[in-house]
Structures are given as C-alpha cells and as structure tokens.
Amino acid sequence: MPDLDNTDRKIIRALRRDGRMTNVALAGEVGLSPSACLRRVQILEESGVIRGYTAIVAGAEGREGHVVIVRISLERQTEDVLRRFEAEVLKHPEIRECYLMTGEEDYLLRLEAAGAGDYERIHKEVLSRLPGVQRINSSFAIRSVL
C-alpha cells in the first residue's frame, strides 16, 4: 500500500463525499490537472486503497433507516466459529458493514433499521441467531457527521 500524501487524502475525502464526481471536478477540488488526478486515482485503486465504489440506498419507503452500531462477542474465537459467523452475516442485507475487531468485542456491525420495532425484529430473528454469539451490545446513532 502506498504512503498517502496530503493530495491523496484530499482525493479520498472528496470521493467519500461524492464517488460519482467527474475527474475534472475532482482535479479542480484537489488542485491537480485532470491527467495527474486520474493517474493518482488509478494508483489508489490499483494499490487497494480505494477498494470500490458503492451506492448509498435509502431505506424502506425512500427514507434512510436508523443506523445501529452492534458489538458482538463470540463464545469462542476458533477459525471455524469465525468462518461460520462471517458466512451467516453475509446472508443478511440489514447488516451493511461487519468488521473483525481487536479489543473487548469480536465484531462491530453497522446495520440500518426502520425504527426500534424493526431493530427488535432484527435482534430476535438475525443477530441472536448468528452462530457462536455470546453477547450483543447495540447503540443507535443520533446523526451522521461524515
């Protein structure tokens, strides 16, 4: 992975805000020529710094859902338990992101729920049934800063 300089970080911040912006607009925002900007973006993509682009999809009825951060502790941390847990997580579209963590919890998940009732359903029908789960700790996000 390349060392990121200030210009690389500006490119990444701009693309996080708008991954569909044109190269010309991106170049203008970060102070590069379009060809130099395109070359830097390609290097960031090829090196794996930029792993892809995504669409942020509105929740049910065109509204964003409530973001819930869920910390999961497993009963054991064997390779088999981790593999089974991760395979099952991939089956649930409510779970938008999943990270294997260091520290007290084993996994951090970001999911979206239509509200408290929907989260209760997700907790009962999805999270509590994931293989190897010992403890679930959840927090509702108040608002997004980034």
Protein backbone atom coordinates (compact mmCIF):
# COMPACT_ATOMS: atom_id res chain seq x y z
CA MET A 1 0.00 0.00 0.00
CA PRO A 2 1.48 3.39 -0.93
CA ASP A 3 2.23 6.14 1.56
CA LEU A 4 -0.57 8.67 1.31
CA ASP A 5 0.33 12.32 0.99
CA ASN A 6 -1.95 15.29 1.59
CA THR A 7 -3.21 15.28 -2.03
CA ASP A 8 -4.12 11.58 -1.82
CA ARG A 9 -6.05 12.26 1.37
CA LYS A 10 -7.89 15.16 -0.32
CA ILE A 11 -8.84 12.86 -3.21
CA ILE A 12 -10.13 10.19 -0.80
CA ARG A 13 -12.16 12.74 1.21
CA ALA A 14 -13.72 14.16 -1.95
CA LEU A 15 -14.60 10.71 -3.31
CA ARG A 16 -16.12 9.72 0.04
CA ARG A 17 -18.45 12.72 -0.26
CA ASP A 18 -19.25 12.04 -3.92
CA GLY A 19 -17.88 8.90 -5.54
CA ARG A 20 -19.53 9.82 -8.84
CA MET A 21 -17.92 13.23 -9.28
CA THR A 22 -16.17 13.69 -12.60
CA ASN A 23 -12.42 13.53 -12.77
CA VAL A 24 -12.37 17.17 -13.93
CA ALA A 25 -14.36 18.27 -10.86
CA LEU A 26 -12.18 16.14 -8.58
CA ALA A 27 -9.00 17.55 -10.11
CA GLY A 28 -10.26 21.10 -9.59
CA GLU A 29 -11.17 20.40 -5.98
CA VAL A 30 -7.78 18.92 -5.08
CA GLY A 31 -5.68 21.30 -7.18
CA LEU A 32 -4.33 18.93 -9.85
CA SER A 33 -4.54 18.70 -13.61
CA PRO A 34 -7.15 16.16 -14.77
CA SER A 35 -4.48 13.78 -16.08
CA ALA A 36 -2.45 13.90 -12.84
CA CYS A 37 -5.62 13.41 -10.79
CA LEU A 38 -6.74 10.43 -12.87
CA ARG A 39 -3.28 8.86 -12.52
CA ARG A 40 -3.43 9.25 -8.72
CA VAL A 41 -6.94 7.78 -8.53
CA GLN A 42 -5.81 4.81 -10.62
CA ILE A 43 -2.83 4.23 -8.31
CA LEU A 44 -5.12 4.41 -5.26
CA GLU A 45 -7.46 1.88 -6.90
CA GLU A 46 -4.72 -0.50 -8.09
CA SER A 47 -2.98 -0.48 -4.71
CA GLY A 48 -6.21 -1.30 -2.90
CA VAL A 49 -6.51 1.98 -1.00
CA ILE A 50 -9.74 2.58 -2.94
CA ARG A 51 -11.37 -0.85 -2.97
CA GLY A 52 -14.51 0.12 -4.85
CA TYR A 53 -17.44 2.46 -5.15
CA THR A 54 -20.91 1.98 -3.77
CA ALA A 55 -24.37 3.47 -3.80
CA ILE A 56 -25.98 4.50 -0.54
CA VAL A 57 -29.53 3.25 -0.85
CA ALA A 58 -32.46 4.76 1.00
CA GLY A 59 -34.28 2.54 3.46
CA ALA A 60 -37.91 1.48 3.25
CA GLU A 61 -40.28 3.98 1.68
CA GLY A 62 -37.40 6.11 0.38
CA ARG A 63 -36.17 7.10 3.86
CA GLU A 64 -32.86 6.42 5.46
CA GLY A 65 -33.09 3.93 8.27
CA HIS A 66 -31.77 4.41 11.77
CA VAL A 67 -28.14 3.42 11.97
CA VAL A 68 -27.38 0.92 14.71
CA ILE A 69 -23.85 0.03 15.75
CA VAL A 70 -23.72 -3.50 17.15
CA ARG A 71 -20.81 -5.00 19.04
CA ILE A 72 -20.75 -8.80 19.12
CA SER A 73 -18.75 -11.05 21.43
CA LEU A 74 -18.43 -14.70 20.48
CA GLU A 75 -18.31 -17.71 22.78
CA ARG A 76 -15.05 -18.83 21.15
CA GLN A 77 -12.66 -17.40 18.60
CA THR A 78 -11.78 -20.54 16.70
CA GLU A 79 -11.30 -20.40 12.96
CA ASP A 80 -14.46 -22.46 12.44
CA VAL A 81 -16.62 -20.19 14.62
CA LEU A 82 -15.30 -17.04 12.91
CA ARG A 83 -15.85 -18.53 9.44
CA ARG A 84 -19.41 -19.66 10.26
CA PHE A 85 -20.28 -16.29 11.82
CA GLU A 86 -18.96 -14.32 8.84
CA ALA A 87 -20.69 -16.60 6.31
CA GLU A 88 -24.01 -16.08 8.08
CA VAL A 89 -23.56 -12.30 8.35
CA LEU A 90 -23.21 -12.11 4.56
CA LYS A 91 -26.73 -13.53 4.17
CA HIS A 92 -28.43 -10.58 5.87
CA PRO A 93 -28.81 -7.32 3.89
CA GLU A 94 -29.76 -5.43 7.06
CA ILE A 95 -26.12 -5.76 8.10
CA ARG A 96 -24.40 -3.11 5.98
CA GLU A 97 -20.87 -3.46 7.36
CA CYS A 98 -19.06 -6.02 9.50
CA TYR A 99 -15.56 -5.73 10.97
CA LEU A 100 -13.49 -8.30 12.86
CA MET A 101 -12.07 -6.29 15.75
CA THR A 102 -9.35 -6.30 18.35
CA GLY A 103 -10.31 -5.39 21.91
CA GLU A 104 -13.22 -6.49 24.05
CA GLU A 105 -15.70 -7.33 21.28
CA ASP A 106 -15.01 -9.65 18.39
CA TYR A 107 -17.10 -7.94 15.70
CA LEU A 108 -18.51 -4.49 15.05
CA LEU A 109 -21.54 -4.33 12.75
CA ARG A 110 -23.32 -1.37 11.23
CA LEU A 111 -26.90 -2.00 10.30
CA GLU A 112 -29.97 0.00 9.43
CA ALA A 113 -33.40 -0.45 10.96
CA ALA A 114 -36.64 1.39 10.21
CA GLY A 115 -37.01 2.07 13.94
CA ALA A 116 -36.94 0.44 17.37
CA GLY A 117 -39.55 -2.16 16.43
CA ASP A 118 -37.66 -3.15 13.31
CA TYR A 119 -34.43 -3.37 15.29
CA GLU A 120 -36.17 -5.62 17.82
CA ARG A 121 -37.10 -7.94 14.94
CA ILE A 122 -33.53 -7.89 13.59
CA HIS A 123 -32.18 -8.59 17.07
CA LYS A 124 -34.51 -11.58 17.59
CA GLU A 125 -34.50 -13.03 14.08
CA VAL A 126 -30.97 -12.26 12.91
CA LEU A 127 -28.40 -11.17 15.50
CA SER A 128 -29.31 -13.57 18.30
CA ARG A 129 -29.30 -16.48 15.83
CA LEU A 130 -25.84 -15.82 14.41
CA PRO A 131 -23.54 -18.77 15.19
CA GLY A 132 -21.39 -18.51 18.30
CA VAL A 133 -22.85 -15.27 19.67
CA GLN A 134 -22.34 -14.82 23.39
CA ARG A 135 -23.17 -11.11 23.86
CA ILE A 136 -24.79 -8.36 21.76
CA ASN A 137 -24.34 -4.68 22.63
CA SER A 138 -26.17 -2.14 20.45
CA SER A 139 -26.22 1.65 20.13
CA PHE A 140 -28.46 3.82 17.94
CA ALA A 141 -26.67 6.62 16.10
CA ILE A 142 -28.09 10.10 16.71
CA ARG A 143 -26.86 11.59 13.43
CA SER A 144 -24.13 11.24 10.84
CA VAL A 145 -21.25 13.70 10.98
CA LEU A 146 -19.43 12.45 7.85
